[in-house]
Amino acid sequence: GGTDNLIVNNSLRSDDYFQAVGSQFLQNMQGYDSAQPRLPSVD
């Protein structure tokens, strides 16, 4: 019965996690991660 308002750390930005839980249950989940700078080297 826990809320689906989830805030998760960077390690859970993972397809393995999404698939194991079911993405349909994670539509209110939000997370953060280190961002890719807007630079040609990243692209």
All heavy atoms as atom14 arrays in JSON, in Angstrom:
{
  "sequence": "GGTDNLIVNNSLRSDDYFQAVGSQFLQNMQGYDSAQPRLPSVD",
  "atom14_mask": [
    [1, 1, 1, 1, 0, 0, 0, 0, 0, 0, 0, 0, 0, 0],
    [1, 1, 1, 1, 0, 0, 0, 0, 0, 0, 0, 0, 0, 0],
    [1, 1, 1, 1, 1, 1, 1, 0, 0, 0, 0, 0, 0, 0],
    [1, 1, 1, 1, 1, 1, 1, 1, 0, 0, 0, 0, 0, 0],
    [1, 1, 1, 1, 1, 1, 1, 1, 0, 0, 0, 0, 0, 0],
    [1, 1, 1, 1, 1, 1, 1, 1, 0, 0, 0, 0, 0, 0],
    [1, 1, 1, 1, 1, 1, 1, 1, 0, 0, 0, 0, 0, 0],
    [1, 1, 1, 1, 1, 1, 1, 0, 0, 0, 0, 0, 0, 0],
    [1, 1, 1, 1, 1, 1, 1, 1, 0, 0, 0, 0, 0, 0],
    [1, 1, 1, 1, 1, 1, 1, 1, 0, 0, 0, 0, 0, 0],
    [1, 1, 1, 1, 1, 1, 0, 0, 0, 0, 0, 0, 0, 0],
    [1, 1, 1, 1, 1, 1, 1, 1, 0, 0, 0, 0, 0, 0],
    [1, 1, 1, 1, 1, 1, 1, 1, 1, 1, 1, 0, 0, 0],
    [1, 1, 1, 1, 1, 1, 0, 0, 0, 0, 0, 0, 0, 0],
    [1, 1, 1, 1, 1, 1, 1, 1, 0, 0, 0, 0, 0, 0],
    [1, 1, 1, 1, 1, 1, 1, 1, 0, 0, 0, 0, 0, 0],
    [1, 1, 1, 1, 1, 1, 1, 1, 1, 1, 1, 1, 0, 0],
    [1, 1, 1, 1, 1, 1, 1, 1, 1, 1, 1, 0, 0, 0],
    [1, 1, 1, 1, 1, 1, 1, 1, 1, 0, 0, 0, 0, 0],
    [1, 1, 1, 1, 1, 0, 0, 0, 0, 0, 0, 0, 0, 0],
    [1, 1, 1, 1, 1, 1, 1, 0, 0, 0, 0, 0, 0, 0],
    [1, 1, 1, 1, 0, 0, 0, 0, 0, 0, 0, 0, 0, 0],
    [1, 1, 1, 1, 1, 1, 0, 0, 0, 0, 0, 0, 0, 0],
    [1, 1, 1, 1, 1, 1, 1, 1, 1, 0, 0, 0, 0, 0],
    [1, 1, 1, 1, 1, 1, 1, 1, 1, 1, 1, 0, 0, 0],
    [1, 1, 1, 1, 1, 1, 1, 1, 0, 0, 0, 0, 0, 0],
    [1, 1, 1, 1, 1, 1, 1, 1, 1, 0, 0, 0, 0, 0],
    [1, 1, 1, 1, 1, 1, 1, 1, 0, 0, 0, 0, 0, 0],
    [1, 1, 1, 1, 1, 1, 1, 1, 0, 0, 0, 0, 0, 0],
    [1, 1, 1, 1, 1, 1, 1, 1, 1, 0, 0, 0, 0, 0],
    [1, 1, 1, 1, 0, 0, 0, 0, 0, 0, 0, 0, 0, 0],
    [1, 1, 1, 1, 1, 1, 1, 1, 1, 1, 1, 1, 0, 0],
    [1, 1, 1, 1, 1, 1, 1, 1, 0, 0, 0, 0, 0, 0],
    [1, 1, 1, 1, 1, 1, 0, 0, 0, 0, 0, 0, 0, 0],
    [1, 1, 1, 1, 1, 0, 0, 0, 0, 0, 0, 0, 0, 0],
    [1, 1, 1, 1, 1, 1, 1, 1, 1, 0, 0, 0, 0, 0],
    [1, 1, 1, 1, 1, 1, 1, 0, 0, 0, 0, 0, 0, 0],
    [1, 1, 1, 1, 1, 1, 1, 1, 1, 1, 1, 0, 0, 0],
    [1, 1, 1, 1, 1, 1, 1, 1, 0, 0, 0, 0, 0, 0],
    [1, 1, 1, 1, 1, 1, 1, 0, 0, 0, 0, 0, 0, 0],
    [1, 1, 1, 1, 1, 1, 0, 0, 0, 0, 0, 0, 0, 0],
    [1, 1, 1, 1, 1, 1, 1, 0, 0, 0, 0, 0, 0, 0],
    [1, 1, 1, 1, 1, 1, 1, 1, 0, 0, 0, 0, 0, 0]
  ],
  "atom14_positions": [
    [[0.78, -1.23, 0.0], [0.0, 0.0, 0.0], [0.8, 1.27, 0.0], [0.24, 2.36, 0.18], [0.0, 0.0, 0.0], [0.0, 0.0, 0.0], [0.0, 0.0, 0.0], [0.0, 0.0, 0.0], [0.0, 0.0, 0.0], [0.0, 0.0, 0.0], [0.0, 0.0, 0.0], [0.0, 0.0, 0.0], [0.0, 0.0, 0.0], [0.0, 0.0, 0.0]],
    [[2.11, 1.18, -0.21], [2.94, 2.38, -0.26], [2.64, 3.22, -1.48], [2.23, 2.72, -2.54], [0.0, 0.0, 0.0], [0.0, 0.0, 0.0], [0.0, 0.0, 0.0], [0.0, 0.0, 0.0], [0.0, 0.0, 0.0], [0.0, 0.0, 0.0], [0.0, 0.0, 0.0], [0.0, 0.0, 0.0], [0.0, 0.0, 0.0], [0.0, 0.0, 0.0]],
    [[2.84, 4.52, -1.36], [2.61, 5.43, -2.47], [3.53, 5.13, -3.64], [4.65, 4.63, -3.45], [2.84, 6.89, -2.01], [2.72, 7.76, -3.13], [4.23, 7.07, -1.41], [0.0, 0.0, 0.0], [0.0, 0.0, 0.0], [0.0, 0.0, 0.0], [0.0, 0.0, 0.0], [0.0, 0.0, 0.0], [0.0, 0.0, 0.0], [0.0, 0.0, 0.0]],
    [[3.06, 5.45, -4.84], [3.93, 5.29, -6.01], [4.69, 6.58, -6.32], [5.31, 6.7, -7.37], [3.15, 4.82, -7.23], [2.09, 5.81, -7.7], [1.9, 6.85, -7.05], [1.44, 5.54, -8.73], [0.0, 0.0, 0.0], [0.0, 0.0, 0.0], [0.0, 0.0, 0.0], [0.0, 0.0, 0.0], [0.0, 0.0, 0.0], [0.0, 0.0, 0.0]],
    [[4.68, 7.53, -5.37], [5.5, 8.74, -5.49], [6.92, 8.4, -5.05], [7.28, 8.54, -3.88], [4.93, 9.87, -4.62], [3.58, 10.35, -5.09], [3.29, 10.34, -6.28], [2.74, 10.77, -4.15], [0.0, 0.0, 0.0], [0.0, 0.0, 0.0], [0.0, 0.0, 0.0], [0.0, 0.0, 0.0], [0.0, 0.0, 0.0], [0.0, 0.0, 0.0]],
    [[7.7, 7.9, -5.97], [9.04, 7.42, -5.67], [10.09, 8.41, -6.18], [10.0, 8.91, -7.3], [9.29, 6.07, -6.33], [8.28, 4.94, -6.04], [8.64, 3.7, -6.85], [8.26, 4.63, -4.56], [0.0, 0.0, 0.0], [0.0, 0.0, 0.0], [0.0, 0.0, 0.0], [0.0, 0.0, 0.0], [0.0, 0.0, 0.0], [0.0, 0.0, 0.0]],
    [[11.09, 8.67, -5.34], [12.3, 9.39, -5.73], [13.44, 8.4, -5.56], [13.62, 7.85, -4.47], [12.54, 10.64, -4.86], [11.31, 11.55, -4.84], [13.78, 11.39, -5.35], [10.99, 12.22, -6.15], [0.0, 0.0, 0.0], [0.0, 0.0, 0.0], [0.0, 0.0, 0.0], [0.0, 0.0, 0.0], [0.0, 0.0, 0.0], [0.0, 0.0, 0.0]],
    [[14.2, 8.15, -6.62], [15.21, 7.09, -6.55], [16.59, 7.64, -6.9], [16.74, 8.61, -7.64], [14.86, 5.91, -7.48], [13.54, 5.29, -7.07], [14.81, 6.34, -8.94], [0.0, 0.0, 0.0], [0.0, 0.0, 0.0], [0.0, 0.0, 0.0], [0.0, 0.0, 0.0], [0.0, 0.0, 0.0], [0.0, 0.0, 0.0], [0.0, 0.0, 0.0]],
    [[17.62, 6.99, -6.35], [18.99, 7.42, -6.6], [19.45, 6.97, -7.98], [18.76, 6.23, -8.69], [19.93, 6.89, -5.52], [20.17, 5.4, -5.65], [19.22, 4.62, -5.63], [21.41, 4.99, -5.76], [0.0, 0.0, 0.0], [0.0, 0.0, 0.0], [0.0, 0.0, 0.0], [0.0, 0.0, 0.0], [0.0, 0.0, 0.0], [0.0, 0.0, 0.0]],
    [[20.64, 7.41, -8.37], [21.12, 7.22, -9.74], [21.24, 5.75, -10.14], [21.07, 5.4, -11.32], [22.47, 7.91, -9.92], [23.55, 7.3, -9.05], [23.45, 7.28, -7.82], [24.6, 6.81, -9.67], [0.0, 0.0, 0.0], [0.0, 0.0, 0.0], [0.0, 0.0, 0.0], [0.0, 0.0, 0.0], [0.0, 0.0, 0.0], [0.0, 0.0, 0.0]],
    [[21.54, 4.86, -9.19], [21.75, 3.45, -9.53], [20.49, 2.78, -10.04], [20.56, 1.73, -10.69], [22.28, 2.69, -8.31], [23.51, 3.21, -7.88], [0.0, 0.0, 0.0], [0.0, 0.0, 0.0], [0.0, 0.0, 0.0], [0.0, 0.0, 0.0], [0.0, 0.0, 0.0], [0.0, 0.0, 0.0], [0.0, 0.0, 0.0], [0.0, 0.0, 0.0]],
    [[19.33, 3.35, -9.74], [18.08, 2.76, -10.2], [17.63, 3.3, -11.54], [16.55, 2.96, -12.02], [16.99, 2.96, -9.13], [17.27, 2.24, -7.81], [16.12, 2.43, -6.83], [17.54, 0.76, -8.03], [0.0, 0.0, 0.0], [0.0, 0.0, 0.0], [0.0, 0.0, 0.0], [0.0, 0.0, 0.0], [0.0, 0.0, 0.0], [0.0, 0.0, 0.0]],
    [[18.44, 4.1, -12.15], [18.18, 4.5, -13.54], [18.7, 3.38, -14.44], [19.69, 3.49, -15.15], [18.87, 5.82, -13.86], [18.5, 6.41, -15.21], [19.16, 7.75, -15.43], [18.96, 8.22, -16.8], [19.89, 8.76, -17.55], [21.12, 8.93, -17.07], [19.62, 9.17, -18.76], [0.0, 0.0, 0.0], [0.0, 0.0, 0.0], [0.0, 0.0, 0.0]],
    [[17.98, 2.29, -14.4], [18.46, 1.04, -15.0], [17.29, 0.27, -15.6], [16.25, 0.07, -14.94], [19.14, 0.18, -13.91], [19.26, -1.15, -14.3], [0.0, 0.0, 0.0], [0.0, 0.0, 0.0], [0.0, 0.0, 0.0], [0.0, 0.0, 0.0], [0.0, 0.0, 0.0], [0.0, 0.0, 0.0], [0.0, 0.0, 0.0], [0.0, 0.0, 0.0]],
    [[17.44, -0.18, -16.84], [16.41, -0.99, -17.48], [16.13, -2.26, -16.7], [14.99, -2.75, -16.68], [16.82, -1.34, -18.91], [16.82, -0.14, -19.84], [16.16, 0.88, -19.51], [17.48, -0.19, -20.9], [0.0, 0.0, 0.0], [0.0, 0.0, 0.0], [0.0, 0.0, 0.0], [0.0, 0.0, 0.0], [0.0, 0.0, 0.0], [0.0, 0.0, 0.0]],
    [[17.16, -2.8, -16.04], [16.96, -4.02, -15.26], [15.97, -3.77, -14.12], [15.11, -4.61, -13.84], [18.29, -4.52, -14.7], [19.28, -4.88, -15.78], [18.87, -5.55, -16.75], [20.45, -4.5, -15.68], [0.0, 0.0, 0.0], [0.0, 0.0, 0.0], [0.0, 0.0, 0.0], [0.0, 0.0, 0.0], [0.0, 0.0, 0.0], [0.0, 0.0, 0.0]],
    [[16.11, -2.64, -13.46], [15.19, -2.28, -12.38], [13.79, -2.04, -12.93], [12.8, -2.55, -12.37], [15.71, -1.03, -11.67], [14.75, -0.4, -10.69], [14.43, -1.03, -9.49], [14.16, 0.83, -10.96], [13.55, -0.46, -8.58], [13.28, 1.42, -10.06], [12.98, 0.77, -8.87], [12.1, 1.34, -7.98], [0.0, 0.0, 0.0], [0.0, 0.0, 0.0]],
    [[13.66, -1.28, -14.0], [12.35, -0.99, -14.58], [11.62, -2.28, -14.95], [10.42, -2.44, -14.67], [12.48, -0.11, -15.83], [13.26, 1.16, -15.63], [13.94, 1.73, -16.69], [13.31, 1.79, -14.4], [14.67, 2.9, -16.52], [14.03, 2.97, -14.21], [14.72, 3.52, -15.29], [0.0, 0.0, 0.0], [0.0, 0.0, 0.0], [0.0, 0.0, 0.0]],
    [[12.34, -3.2, -15.58], [11.72, -4.44, -16.03], [11.35, -5.34, -14.87], [10.32, -6.02, -14.89], [12.66, -5.16, -17.0], [12.85, -4.42, -18.32], [14.01, -4.95, -19.13], [14.62, -5.98, -18.8], [14.36, -4.25, -20.21], [0.0, 0.0, 0.0], [0.0, 0.0, 0.0], [0.0, 0.0, 0.0], [0.0, 0.0, 0.0], [0.0, 0.0, 0.0]],
    [[12.2, -5.36, -13.83], [11.93, -6.23, -12.68], [10.69, -5.79, -11.91], [9.94, -6.61, -11.39], [13.14, -6.27, -11.75], [0.0, 0.0, 0.0], [0.0, 0.0, 0.0], [0.0, 0.0, 0.0], [0.0, 0.0, 0.0], [0.0, 0.0, 0.0], [0.0, 0.0, 0.0], [0.0, 0.0, 0.0], [0.0, 0.0, 0.0], [0.0, 0.0, 0.0]],
    [[10.48, -4.47, -11.83], [9.29, -3.96, -11.13], [8.09, -3.93, -12.06], [6.97, -4.27, -11.66], [9.56, -2.55, -10.57], [8.3, -1.98, -9.9], [10.71, -2.57, -9.57], [0.0, 0.0, 0.0], [0.0, 0.0, 0.0], [0.0, 0.0, 0.0], [0.0, 0.0, 0.0], [0.0, 0.0, 0.0], [0.0, 0.0, 0.0], [0.0, 0.0, 0.0]],
    [[8.32, -3.54, -13.29], [7.24, -3.3, -14.26], [7.08, -1.81, -14.45], [6.67, -1.1, -13.52], [0.0, 0.0, 0.0], [0.0, 0.0, 0.0], [0.0, 0.0, 0.0], [0.0, 0.0, 0.0], [0.0, 0.0, 0.0], [0.0, 0.0, 0.0], [0.0, 0.0, 0.0], [0.0, 0.0, 0.0], [0.0, 0.0, 0.0], [0.0, 0.0, 0.0]],
    [[7.41, -1.31, -15.63], [7.39, 0.13, -15.86], [6.0, 0.72, -15.67], [5.87, 1.9, -15.32], [7.91, 0.46, -17.26], [7.14, -0.2, -18.26], [0.0, 0.0, 0.0], [0.0, 0.0, 0.0], [0.0, 0.0, 0.0], [0.0, 0.0, 0.0], [0.0, 0.0, 0.0], [0.0, 0.0, 0.0], [0.0, 0.0, 0.0], [0.0, 0.0, 0.0]],
    [[4.96, -0.1, -15.83], [3.59, 0.41, -15.65], [3.33, 0.84, -14.21], [2.44, 1.66, -13.96], [2.56, -0.63, -16.09], [2.45, -1.87, -15.22], [3.4, -2.99, -15.64], [4.47, -2.71, -16.2], [2.99, -4.23, -15.4], [0.0, 0.0, 0.0], [0.0, 0.0, 0.0], [0.0, 0.0, 0.0], [0.0, 0.0, 0.0], [0.0, 0.0, 0.0]],
    [[4.12, 0.32, -13.27], [3.95, 0.68, -11.86], [4.85, 1.84, -11.44], [4.83, 2.26, -10.28], [4.25, -0.53, -10.97], [3.41, -1.72, -11.26], [3.97, -2.89, -11.77], [2.03, -1.7, -11.05], [3.2, -4.0, -12.06], [1.24, -2.81, -11.33], [1.82, -3.96, -11.84], [0.0, 0.0, 0.0], [0.0, 0.0, 0.0], [0.0, 0.0, 0.0]],
    [[5.65, 2.34, -12.37], [6.67, 3.34, -12.04], [6.44, 4.67, -12.75], [7.38, 5.47, -12.89], [8.06, 2.79, -12.41], [8.49, 1.52, -11.68], [9.81, 1.0, -12.24], [8.61, 1.77, -10.18], [0.0, 0.0, 0.0], [0.0, 0.0, 0.0], [0.0, 0.0, 0.0], [0.0, 0.0, 0.0], [0.0, 0.0, 0.0], [0.0, 0.0, 0.0]],
    [[5.23, 4.92, -13.17], [4.98, 6.14, -13.94], [5.03, 7.41, -13.09], [5.16, 8.51, -13.64], [3.64, 6.02, -14.67], [3.61, 4.93, -15.74], [4.7, 5.1, -16.8], [4.71, 6.09, -17.51], [5.62, 4.14, -16.88], [0.0, 0.0, 0.0], [0.0, 0.0, 0.0], [0.0, 0.0, 0.0], [0.0, 0.0, 0.0], [0.0, 0.0, 0.0]],
    [[4.92, 7.29, -11.78], [5.08, 8.46, -10.91], [6.47, 8.53, -10.27], [6.71, 9.37, -9.42], [4.01, 8.47, -9.82], [2.66, 8.91, -10.35], [2.57, 9.58, -11.37], [1.59, 8.52, -9.67], [0.0, 0.0, 0.0], [0.0, 0.0, 0.0], [0.0, 0.0, 0.0], [0.0, 0.0, 0.0], [0.0, 0.0, 0.0], [0.0, 0.0, 0.0]],
    [[7.34, 7.63, -10.67], [8.71, 7.62, -10.15], [9.52, 8.74, -10.81], [9.35, 9.04, -12.0], [9.37, 6.29, -10.45], [10.85, 6.21, -10.04], [11.59, 4.64, -10.56], [11.48, 4.79, -12.35], [0.0, 0.0, 0.0], [0.0, 0.0, 0.0], [0.0, 0.0, 0.0], [0.0, 0.0, 0.0], [0.0, 0.0, 0.0], [0.0, 0.0, 0.0]],
    [[10.4, 9.36, -10.01], [11.36, 10.32, -10.54], [12.74, 9.99, -9.98], [12.86, 9.38, -8.92], [10.98, 11.74, -10.11], [9.62, 12.2, -10.6], [9.32, 13.59, -10.09], [9.77, 14.59, -10.65], [8.58, 13.65, -8.99], [0.0, 0.0, 0.0], [0.0, 0.0, 0.0], [0.0, 0.0, 0.0], [0.0, 0.0, 0.0], [0.0, 0.0, 0.0]],
    [[13.76, 10.39, -10.7], [15.12, 10.13, -10.24], [16.06, 11.2, -10.69], [15.68, 12.15, -11.38], [0.0, 0.0, 0.0], [0.0, 0.0, 0.0], [0.0, 0.0, 0.0], [0.0, 0.0, 0.0], [0.0, 0.0, 0.0], [0.0, 0.0, 0.0], [0.0, 0.0, 0.0], [0.0, 0.0, 0.0], [0.0, 0.0, 0.0], [0.0, 0.0, 0.0]],
    [[17.31, 11.06, -10.31], [18.36, 12.0, -10.7], [19.59, 11.21, -11.1], [19.73, 10.02, -10.8], [18.7, 12.96, -9.55], [19.2, 12.24, -8.32], [20.52, 11.82, -8.22], [18.34, 11.93, -7.26], [20.98, 11.13, -7.11], [18.8, 11.25, -6.15], [20.11, 10.86, -6.08], [20.56, 10.16, -4.98], [0.0, 0.0, 0.0], [0.0, 0.0, 0.0]],
    [[20.49, 11.87, -11.77], [21.76, 11.24, -12.14], [22.72, 12.36, -12.52], [22.32, 13.52, -12.7], [21.56, 10.28, -13.33], [22.67, 9.24, -13.44], [23.68, 9.35, -12.71], [22.53, 8.32, -14.26], [0.0, 0.0, 0.0], [0.0, 0.0, 0.0], [0.0, 0.0, 0.0], [0.0, 0.0, 0.0], [0.0, 0.0, 0.0], [0.0, 0.0, 0.0]],
    [[24.0, 12.02, -12.63], [24.91, 12.97, -13.23], [24.48, 13.17, -14.68], [24.1, 12.22, -15.37], [26.35, 12.44, -13.19], [26.87, 12.54, -11.88], [0.0, 0.0, 0.0], [0.0, 0.0, 0.0], [0.0, 0.0, 0.0], [0.0, 0.0, 0.0], [0.0, 0.0, 0.0], [0.0, 0.0, 0.0], [0.0, 0.0, 0.0], [0.0, 0.0, 0.0]],
    [[24.52, 14.4, -15.12], [24.07, 14.72, -16.47], [25.23, 14.68, -17.45], [26.39, 14.84, -17.07], [23.4, 16.09, -16.49], [0.0, 0.0, 0.0], [0.0, 0.0, 0.0], [0.0, 0.0, 0.0], [0.0, 0.0, 0.0], [0.0, 0.0, 0.0], [0.0, 0.0, 0.0], [0.0, 0.0, 0.0], [0.0, 0.0, 0.0], [0.0, 0.0, 0.0]],
    [[24.89, 14.49, -18.68], [25.87, 14.6, -19.75], [25.97, 16.07, -20.14], [24.98, 16.67, -20.54], [25.44, 13.77, -20.95], [25.3, 12.29, -20.66], [24.72, 11.52, -21.83], [24.73, 11.99, -22.96], [24.2, 10.34, -21.55], [0.0, 0.0, 0.0], [0.0, 0.0, 0.0], [0.0, 0.0, 0.0], [0.0, 0.0, 0.0], [0.0, 0.0, 0.0]],
    [[27.15, 16.69, -19.99], [27.29, 18.08, -20.42], [26.93, 18.23, -21.9], [27.06, 17.28, -22.68], [28.78, 18.37, -20.19], [29.22, 17.36, -19.19], [28.4, 16.14, -19.47], [0.0, 0.0, 0.0], [0.0, 0.0, 0.0], [0.0, 0.0, 0.0], [0.0, 0.0, 0.0], [0.0, 0.0, 0.0], [0.0, 0.0, 0.0], [0.0, 0.0, 0.0]],
    [[26.48, 19.39, -22.25], [26.1, 19.65, -23.64], [27.36, 19.95, -24.44], [27.66, 21.1, -24.78], [25.12, 20.81, -23.7], [23.66, 20.51, -23.46], [23.35, 19.61, -22.29], [21.91, 19.48, -22.08], [21.35, 18.66, -21.24], [22.09, 17.85, -20.5], [20.04, 18.6, -21.12], [0.0, 0.0, 0.0], [0.0, 0.0, 0.0], [0.0, 0.0, 0.0]],
    [[28.12, 18.89, -24.74], [29.4, 19.04, -25.41], [29.53, 18.03, -26.54], [29.01, 16.91, -26.45], [30.55, 18.83, -24.42], [30.73, 19.86, -23.31], [31.78, 19.38, -22.31], [31.14, 21.19, -23.9], [0.0, 0.0, 0.0], [0.0, 0.0, 0.0], [0.0, 0.0, 0.0], [0.0, 0.0, 0.0], [0.0, 0.0, 0.0], [0.0, 0.0, 0.0]],
    [[30.26, 18.38, -27.6], [30.47, 17.44, -28.71], [31.15, 16.15, -28.28], [30.9, 15.08, -28.84], [31.35, 18.23, -29.69], [31.03, 19.66, -29.4], [30.79, 19.72, -27.91], [0.0, 0.0, 0.0], [0.0, 0.0, 0.0], [0.0, 0.0, 0.0], [0.0, 0.0, 0.0], [0.0, 0.0, 0.0], [0.0, 0.0, 0.0], [0.0, 0.0, 0.0]],
    [[32.04, 16.22, -27.27], [32.75, 15.01, -26.84], [31.78, 13.97, -26.28], [31.97, 12.76, -26.47], [33.8, 15.36, -25.77], [33.19, 15.8, -24.57], [0.0, 0.0, 0.0], [0.0, 0.0, 0.0], [0.0, 0.0, 0.0], [0.0, 0.0, 0.0], [0.0, 0.0, 0.0], [0.0, 0.0, 0.0], [0.0, 0.0, 0.0], [0.0, 0.0, 0.0]],
    [[30.73, 14.45, -25.6], [29.74, 13.54, -25.04], [28.92, 12.91, -26.16], [28.67, 11.69, -26.17], [28.83, 14.28, -24.05], [27.8, 13.33, -23.46], [29.66, 14.92, -22.95], [0.0, 0.0, 0.0], [0.0, 0.0, 0.0], [0.0, 0.0, 0.0], [0.0, 0.0, 0.0], [0.0, 0.0, 0.0], [0.0, 0.0, 0.0], [0.0, 0.0, 0.0]],
    [[28.53, 13.73, -27.12], [27.78, 13.2, -28.28], [28.61, 12.17, -29.03], [28.09, 11.14, -29.47], [27.4, 14.35, -29.23], [26.43, 15.34, -28.6], [25.71, 14.94, -27.65], [26.4, 16.49, -29.05], [0.0, 0.0, 0.0], [0.0, 0.0, 0.0], [0.0, 0.0, 0.0], [0.0, 0.0, 0.0], [0.0, 0.0, 0.0], [0.0, 0.0, 0.0]]
  ]
}
